[in-house]
Amino acid sequence: MKKFEIWCEGFSVTGNIGKAFLMDIVEAESFDEAVKKYSESHGNSIDMNRFGAGRHSNWGCEPFDNEADARKSFG
């Protein structure tokens, strides 16, 4: 198994701004499995495949497996 970083992208909506942040580091076979494990251990907080196969949502923000991609939108 491999350790995956799960980064949540930043956002800007109705005057509220949030920067990208590291959600957790999870051991799994794939990034999708890591996100699923994270979600299950946090009250199913991730909407799996919301943006299409393999693209998930955390309150409308997409999780990524690296900081650079997570920071592309709103830092």
PDB file of N, CA and C in Angstrom:
ATOM      1  N   MET A   1       0.840  -1.194   0.000  1.00  0.00           N
ATOM      2  CA  MET A   1       0.000   0.000   0.000  1.00  0.00           C
ATOM      3  C   MET A   1       0.879   1.249   0.000  1.00  0.00           C
ATOM      4  N   LYS A   2       0.293   2.326  -0.455  1.00  0.00           N
ATOM      5  CA  LYS A   2       0.979   3.607  -0.586  1.00  0.00           C
ATOM      6  C   LYS A   2       0.267   4.644   0.274  1.00  0.00           C
ATOM      7  N   LYS A   3       1.002   5.651   0.721  1.00  0.00           N
ATOM      8  CA  LYS A   3       0.393   6.757   1.471  1.00  0.00           C
ATOM      9  C   LYS A   3       0.032   7.871   0.489  1.00  0.00           C
ATOM     10  N   PHE A   4      -1.212   8.317   0.546  1.00  0.00           N
ATOM     11  CA  PHE A   4      -1.710   9.386  -0.328  1.00  0.00           C
ATOM     12  C   PHE A   4      -2.046  10.618   0.499  1.00  0.00           C
ATOM     13  N   GLU A   5      -1.558  11.771   0.047  1.00  0.00           N
ATOM     14  CA  GLU A   5      -1.996  13.035   0.628  1.00  0.00           C
ATOM     15  C   GLU A   5      -3.327  13.387  -0.017  1.00  0.00           C
ATOM     16  N   ILE A   6      -4.260  13.867   0.780  1.00  0.00           N
ATOM     17  CA  ILE A   6      -5.552  14.332   0.261  1.00  0.00           C
ATOM     18  C   ILE A   6      -5.623  15.835   0.539  1.00  0.00           C
ATOM     19  N   TRP A   7      -5.535  16.615  -0.534  1.00  0.00           N
ATOM     20  CA  TRP A   7      -5.594  18.069  -0.466  1.00  0.00           C
ATOM     21  C   TRP A   7      -6.949  18.543  -0.961  1.00  0.00           C
ATOM     22  N   CYS A   8      -7.542  19.498  -0.275  1.00  0.00           N
ATOM     23  CA  CYS A   8      -8.815  20.083  -0.701  1.00  0.00           C
ATOM     24  C   CYS A   8      -8.515  21.434  -1.349  1.00  0.00           C
ATOM     25  N   GLU A   9      -9.101  21.666  -2.539  1.00  0.00           N
ATOM     26  CA  GLU A   9      -8.851  22.923  -3.240  1.00  0.00           C
ATOM     27  C   GLU A   9      -9.443  24.104  -2.478  1.00  0.00           C
ATOM     28  N   GLY A  10      -8.933  25.282  -2.771  1.00  0.00           N
ATOM     29  CA  GLY A  10      -9.446  26.503  -2.168  1.00  0.00           C
ATOM     30  C   GLY A  10     -10.761  26.925  -2.822  1.00  0.00           C
ATOM     31  N   PHE A  11     -11.380  27.963  -2.241  1.00  0.00           N
ATOM     32  CA  PHE A  11     -12.659  28.442  -2.780  1.00  0.00           C
ATOM     33  C   PHE A  11     -12.846  29.928  -2.503  1.00  0.00           C
ATOM     34  N   SER A  12     -13.756  30.521  -3.237  1.00  0.00           N
ATOM     35  CA  SER A  12     -14.185  31.894  -3.011  1.00  0.00           C
ATOM     36  C   SER A  12     -15.651  31.960  -3.409  1.00  0.00           C
ATOM     37  N   VAL A  13     -16.519  32.198  -2.430  1.00  0.00           N
ATOM     38  CA  VAL A  13     -17.953  32.238  -2.704  1.00  0.00           C
ATOM     39  C   VAL A  13     -18.643  33.205  -1.737  1.00  0.00           C
ATOM     40  N   THR A  14     -19.474  34.054  -2.245  1.00  0.00           N
ATOM     41  CA  THR A  14     -20.247  35.053  -1.487  1.00  0.00           C
ATOM     42  C   THR A  14     -19.444  35.722  -0.374  1.00  0.00           C
ATOM     43  N   GLY A  15     -18.240  36.160  -0.744  1.00  0.00           N
ATOM     44  CA  GLY A  15     -17.406  36.887   0.207  1.00  0.00           C
ATOM     45  C   GLY A  15     -16.589  36.016   1.141  1.00  0.00           C
ATOM     46  N   ASN A  16     -16.769  34.716   1.109  1.00  0.00           N
ATOM     47  CA  ASN A  16     -15.980  33.807   1.939  1.00  0.00           C
ATOM     48  C   ASN A  16     -14.869  33.210   1.093  1.00  0.00           C
ATOM     49  N   ILE A  17     -13.691  33.130   1.687  1.00  0.00           N
ATOM     50  CA  ILE A  17     -12.529  32.613   0.973  1.00  0.00           C
ATOM     51  C   ILE A  17     -11.850  31.561   1.830  1.00  0.00           C
ATOM     52  N   GLY A  18     -11.437  30.488   1.190  1.00  0.00           N
ATOM     53  CA  GLY A  18     -10.673  29.456   1.883  1.00  0.00           C
ATOM     54  C   GLY A  18      -9.515  29.013   1.010  1.00  0.00           C
ATOM     55  N   LYS A  19      -8.363  28.866   1.594  1.00  0.00           N
ATOM     56  CA  LYS A  19      -7.183  28.408   0.872  1.00  0.00           C
ATOM     57  C   LYS A  19      -7.162  26.882   0.853  1.00  0.00           C
ATOM     58  N   ALA A  20      -6.442  26.316  -0.096  1.00  0.00           N
ATOM     59  CA  ALA A  20      -6.264  24.863  -0.161  1.00  0.00           C
ATOM     60  C   ALA A  20      -5.613  24.394   1.143  1.00  0.00           C
ATOM     61  N   PHE A  21      -5.953  23.169   1.549  1.00  0.00           N
ATOM     62  CA  PHE A  21      -5.374  22.637   2.784  1.00  0.00           C
ATOM     63  C   PHE A  21      -5.248  21.125   2.700  1.00  0.00           C
ATOM     64  N   LEU A  22      -4.313  20.595   3.468  1.00  0.00           N
ATOM     65  CA  LEU A  22      -4.102  19.161   3.555  1.00  0.00           C
ATOM     66  C   LEU A  22      -5.160  18.578   4.485  1.00  0.00           C
ATOM     67  N   MET A  23      -6.000  17.707   3.947  1.00  0.00           N
ATOM     68  CA  MET A  23      -7.060  17.097   4.741  1.00  0.00           C
ATOM     69  C   MET A  23      -6.515  15.951   5.593  1.00  0.00           C
ATOM     70  N   ASP A  24      -5.668  15.093   4.983  1.00  0.00           N
ATOM     71  CA  ASP A  24      -5.144  13.937   5.700  1.00  0.00           C
ATOM     72  C   ASP A  24      -4.151  13.198   4.805  1.00  0.00           C
ATOM     73  N   ILE A  25      -3.445  12.268   5.383  1.00  0.00           N
ATOM     74  CA  ILE A  25      -2.593  11.334   4.654  1.00  0.00           C
ATOM     75  C   ILE A  25      -3.146   9.955   4.961  1.00  0.00           C
ATOM     76  N   VAL A  26      -3.529   9.229   3.911  1.00  0.00           N
ATOM     77  CA  VAL A  26      -4.220   7.949   4.077  1.00  0.00           C
ATOM     78  C   VAL A  26      -3.482   6.857   3.306  1.00  0.00           C
ATOM     79  N   GLU A  27      -3.346   5.702   3.928  1.00  0.00           N
ATOM     80  CA  GLU A  27      -2.722   4.556   3.277  1.00  0.00           C
ATOM     81  C   GLU A  27      -3.787   3.771   2.526  1.00  0.00           C
ATOM     82  N   ALA A  28      -3.532   3.535   1.227  1.00  0.00           N
ATOM     83  CA  ALA A  28      -4.513   2.844   0.374  1.00  0.00           C
ATOM     84  C   ALA A  28      -3.822   2.346  -0.894  1.00  0.00           C
ATOM     85  N   GLU A  29      -4.564   1.590  -1.688  1.00  0.00           N
ATOM     86  CA  GLU A  29      -4.061   1.081  -2.962  1.00  0.00           C
ATOM     87  C   GLU A  29      -4.135   2.128  -4.072  1.00  0.00           C
ATOM     88  N   SER A  30      -5.088   3.066  -3.973  1.00  0.00           N
ATOM     89  CA  SER A  30      -5.276   4.103  -4.994  1.00  0.00           C
ATOM     90  C   SER A  30      -5.778   5.381  -4.325  1.00  0.00           C
ATOM     91  N   PHE A  31      -5.717   6.491  -5.063  1.00  0.00           N
ATOM     92  CA  PHE A  31      -6.220   7.754  -4.517  1.00  0.00           C
ATOM     93  C   PHE A  31      -7.722   7.659  -4.251  1.00  0.00           C
ATOM     94  N   ASP A  32      -8.467   7.040  -5.171  1.00  0.00           N
ATOM     95  CA  ASP A  32      -9.912   6.884  -4.963  1.00  0.00           C
ATOM     96  C   ASP A  32     -10.205   6.126  -3.673  1.00  0.00           C
ATOM     97  N   GLU A  33      -9.447   5.056  -3.438  1.00  0.00           N
ATOM     98  CA  GLU A  33      -9.638   4.287  -2.210  1.00  0.00           C
ATOM     99  C   GLU A  33      -9.268   5.118  -0.979  1.00  0.00           C
ATOM    100  N   ALA A  34      -8.223   5.933  -1.083  1.00  0.00           N
ATOM    101  CA  ALA A  34      -7.825   6.807   0.030  1.00  0.00           C
ATOM    102  C   ALA A  34      -8.936   7.803   0.360  1.00  0.00           C
ATOM    103  N   VAL A  35      -9.531   8.401  -0.679  1.00  0.00           N
ATOM    104  CA  VAL A  35     -10.629   9.359  -0.466  1.00  0.00           C
ATOM    105  C   VAL A  35     -11.825   8.651   0.164  1.00  0.00           C
ATOM    106  N   LYS A  36     -12.124   7.455  -0.304  1.00  0.00           N
ATOM    107  CA  LYS A  36     -13.248   6.695   0.256  1.00  0.00           C
ATOM    108  C   LYS A  36     -12.997   6.362   1.727  1.00  0.00           C
ATOM    109  N   LYS A  37     -11.785   5.928   2.055  1.00  0.00           N
ATOM    110  CA  LYS A  37     -11.446   5.627   3.451  1.00  0.00           C
ATOM    111  C   LYS A  37     -11.567   6.878   4.316  1.00  0.00           C
ATOM    112  N   TYR A  38     -11.050   8.013   3.800  1.00  0.00           N
ATOM    113  CA  TYR A  38     -11.155   9.273   4.532  1.00  0.00           C
ATOM    114  C   TYR A  38     -12.618   9.611   4.781  1.00  0.00           C
ATOM    115  N   SER A  39     -13.421   9.533   3.736  1.00  0.00           N
ATOM    116  CA  SER A  39     -14.836   9.869   3.836  1.00  0.00           C
ATOM    117  C   SER A  39     -15.546   9.000   4.866  1.00  0.00           C
ATOM    118  N   GLU A  40     -15.303   7.699   4.812  1.00  0.00           N
ATOM    119  CA  GLU A  40     -15.964   6.781   5.739  1.00  0.00           C
ATOM    120  C   GLU A  40     -15.561   7.050   7.188  1.00  0.00           C
ATOM    121  N   SER A  41     -14.329   7.478   7.409  1.00  0.00           N
ATOM    122  CA  SER A  41     -13.879   7.755   8.777  1.00  0.00           C
ATOM    123  C   SER A  41     -14.267   9.154   9.252  1.00  0.00           C
ATOM    124  N   HIS A  42     -14.872   9.947   8.369  1.00  0.00           N
ATOM    125  CA  HIS A  42     -15.315  11.303   8.713  1.00  0.00           C
ATOM    126  C   HIS A  42     -16.793  11.497   8.370  1.00  0.00           C
ATOM    127  N   GLY A  43     -17.606  10.529   8.710  1.00  0.00           N
ATOM    128  CA  GLY A  43     -19.061  10.655   8.545  1.00  0.00           C
ATOM    129  C   GLY A  43     -19.512  10.759   7.106  1.00  0.00           C
ATOM    130  N   ASN A  44     -18.821  10.076   6.182  1.00  0.00           N
ATOM    131  CA  ASN A  44     -19.158  10.137   4.749  1.00  0.00           C
ATOM    132  C   ASN A  44     -19.212  11.575   4.242  1.00  0.00           C
ATOM    133  N   SER A  45     -18.184  12.339   4.608  1.00  0.00           N
ATOM    134  CA  SER A  45     -18.131  13.763   4.285  1.00  0.00           C
ATOM    135  C   SER A  45     -17.813  14.064   2.824  1.00  0.00           C
ATOM    136  N   ILE A  46     -17.320  13.087   2.079  1.00  0.00           N
ATOM    137  CA  ILE A  46     -16.966  13.294   0.675  1.00  0.00           C
ATOM    138  C   ILE A  46     -18.070  12.735  -0.214  1.00  0.00           C
ATOM    139  N   ASP A  47     -18.514  13.544  -1.165  1.00  0.00           N
ATOM    140  CA  ASP A  47     -19.489  13.104  -2.157  1.00  0.00           C
ATOM    141  C   ASP A  47     -18.699  12.434  -3.275  1.00  0.00           C
ATOM    142  N   MET A  48     -18.726  11.106  -3.291  1.00  0.00           N
ATOM    143  CA  MET A  48     -17.915  10.343  -4.236  1.00  0.00           C
ATOM    144  C   MET A  48     -18.434  10.497  -5.669  1.00  0.00           C
ATOM    145  N   ASN A  49     -17.527  10.721  -6.606  1.00  0.00           N
ATOM    146  CA  ASN A  49     -17.809  10.806  -8.050  1.00  0.00           C
ATOM    147  C   ASN A  49     -18.786  11.923  -8.428  1.00  0.00           C
ATOM    148  N   ARG A  50     -18.872  12.949  -7.641  1.00  0.00           N
ATOM    149  CA  ARG A  50     -19.806  14.042  -7.934  1.00  0.00           C
ATOM    150  C   ARG A  50     -19.499  14.740  -9.260  1.00  0.00           C
ATOM    151  N   PHE A  51     -18.229  14.893  -9.559  1.00  0.00           N
ATOM    152  CA  PHE A  51     -17.828  15.588 -10.786  1.00  0.00           C
ATOM    153  C   PHE A  51     -17.499  14.620 -11.912  1.00  0.00           C
ATOM    154  N   GLY A  52     -17.878  13.360 -11.761  1.00  0.00           N
ATOM    155  CA  GLY A  52     -17.564  12.327 -12.748  1.00  0.00           C
ATOM    156  C   GLY A  52     -16.723  11.242 -12.112  1.00  0.00           C
ATOM    157  N   ALA A  53     -16.474  10.198 -12.851  1.00  0.00           N
ATOM    158  CA  ALA A  53     -15.726   9.055 -12.321  1.00  0.00           C
ATOM    159  C   ALA A  53     -14.364   9.497 -11.782  1.00  0.00           C
ATOM    160  N   GLY A  54     -14.107   9.175 -10.535  1.00  0.00           N
ATOM    161  CA  GLY A  54     -12.829   9.505  -9.917  1.00  0.00           C
ATOM    162  C   GLY A  54     -12.670  10.952  -9.502  1.00  0.00           C
ATOM    163  N   ARG A  55     -13.725  11.762  -9.623  1.00  0.00           N
ATOM    164  CA  ARG A  55     -13.684  13.175  -9.212  1.00  0.00           C
ATOM    165  C   ARG A  55     -14.712  13.384  -8.113  1.00  0.00           C
ATOM    166  N   HIS A  56     -14.226  13.762  -6.956  1.00  0.00           N
ATOM    167  CA  HIS A  56     -15.057  13.800  -5.761  1.00  0.00           C
ATOM    168  C   HIS A  56     -15.286  15.238  -5.290  1.00  0.00           C
ATOM    169  N   SER A  57     -16.105  15.398  -4.257  1.00  0.00           N
ATOM    170  CA  SER A  57     -16.430  16.733  -3.764  1.00  0.00           C
ATOM    171  C   SER A  57     -16.486  16.755  -2.249  1.00  0.00           C
ATOM    172  N   ASN A  58     -15.861  17.764  -1.679  1.00  0.00           N
ATOM    173  CA  ASN A  58     -15.943  18.035  -0.248  1.00  0.00           C
ATOM    174  C   ASN A  58     -16.589  19.415  -0.105  1.00  0.00           C
ATOM    175  N   TRP A  59     -17.887  19.456   0.094  1.00  0.00           N
ATOM    176  CA  TRP A  59     -18.651  20.713   0.156  1.00  0.00           C
ATOM    177  C   TRP A  59     -18.420  21.547  -1.102  1.00  0.00           C
ATOM    178  N   GLY A  60     -18.405  20.895  -2.256  1.00  0.00           N
ATOM    179  CA  GLY A  60     -18.242  21.590  -3.528  1.00  0.00           C
ATOM    180  C   GLY A  60     -16.805  21.805  -3.948  1.00  0.00           C
ATOM    181  N   CYS A  61     -15.861  21.480  -3.094  1.00  0.00           N
ATOM    182  CA  CYS A  61     -14.440  21.617  -3.427  1.00  0.00           C
ATOM    183  C   CYS A  61     -13.863  20.239  -3.723  1.00  0.00           C
ATOM    184  N   GLU A  62     -13.045  20.170  -4.759  1.00  0.00           N
ATOM    185  CA  GLU A  62     -12.512  18.883  -5.191  1.00  0.00           C
ATOM    186  C   GLU A  62     -11.233  18.526  -4.438  1.00  0.00           C
ATOM    187  N   PRO A  63     -11.140  17.292  -3.941  1.00  0.00           N
ATOM    188  CA  PRO A  63      -9.886  16.844  -3.336  1.00  0.00           C
ATOM    189  C   PRO A  63      -8.889  16.399  -4.410  1.00  0.00           C
ATOM    190  N   PHE A  64      -7.608  16.657  -4.158  1.00  0.00           N
ATOM    191  CA  PHE A  64      -6.524  16.290  -5.071  1.00  0.00           C
ATOM    192  C   PHE A  64      -5.465  15.515  -4.313  1.00  0.00           C
ATOM    193  N   ASP A  65      -4.599  14.833  -5.066  1.00  0.00           N
ATOM    194  CA  ASP A  65      -3.542  14.045  -4.440  1.00  0.00           C
ATOM    195  C   ASP A  65      -2.234  14.827  -4.301  1.00  0.00           C
ATOM    196  N   ASN A  66      -2.294  16.142  -4.582  1.00  0.00           N
ATOM    197  CA  ASN A  66      -1.091  16.958  -4.438  1.00  0.00           C
ATOM    198  C   ASN A  66      -1.456  18.419  -4.201  1.00  0.00           C
ATOM    199  N   GLU A  67      -0.545  19.126  -3.553  1.00  0.00           N
ATOM    200  CA  GLU A  67      -0.775  20.517  -3.174  1.00  0.00           C
ATOM    201  C   GLU A  67      -0.868  21.444  -4.378  1.00  0.00           C
ATOM    202  N   ALA A  68      -0.038  21.253  -5.373  1.00  0.00           N
ATOM    203  CA  ALA A  68      -0.014  22.162  -6.530  1.00  0.00           C
ATOM    204  C   ALA A  68      -1.358  22.212  -7.242  1.00  0.00           C
ATOM    205  N   ASP A  69      -1.963  21.059  -7.500  1.00  0.00           N
ATOM    206  CA  ASP A  69      -3.261  21.044  -8.167  1.00  0.00           C
ATOM    207  C   ASP A  69      -4.342  21.644  -7.283  1.00  0.00           C
ATOM    208  N   ALA A  70      -4.278  21.386  -5.993  1.00  0.00           N
ATOM    209  CA  ALA A  70      -5.281  21.931  -5.069  1.00  0.00           C
ATOM    210  C   ALA A  70      -5.214  23.452  -5.003  1.00  0.00           C
ATOM    211  N   ARG A  71      -4.024  24.023  -5.185  1.00  0.00           N
ATOM    212  CA  ARG A  71      -3.841  25.476  -5.081  1.00  0.00           C
ATOM    213  C   ARG A  71      -4.126  26.224  -6.385  1.00  0.00           C
ATOM    214  N   LYS A  72      -4.394  25.516  -7.477  1.00  0.00           N
ATOM    215  CA  LYS A  72      -4.660  26.185  -8.755  1.00  0.00           C
ATOM    216  C   LYS A  72      -5.876  27.089  -8.675  1.00  0.00           C
ATOM    217  N   SER A  73      -6.898  26.691  -7.926  1.00  0.00           N
ATOM    218  CA  SER A  73      -8.097  27.518  -7.744  1.00  0.00           C
ATOM    219  C   SER A  73      -8.047  28.201  -6.389  1.00  0.00           C
ATOM    220  N   PHE A  74      -7.897  29.489  -6.363  1.00  0.00           N
ATOM    221  CA  PHE A  74      -7.983  30.286  -5.144  1.00  0.00           C
ATOM    222  C   PHE A  74      -6.898  30.003  -4.114  1.00  0.00           C
ATOM    223  N   GLY A  75      -5.766  29.480  -4.527  1.00  0.00           N
ATOM    224  CA  GLY A  75      -4.611  29.286  -3.651  1.00  0.00           C
ATOM    225  C   GLY A  75      -4.866  28.357  -2.558  1.00  0.00           C
TER     226      GLY A  75
END
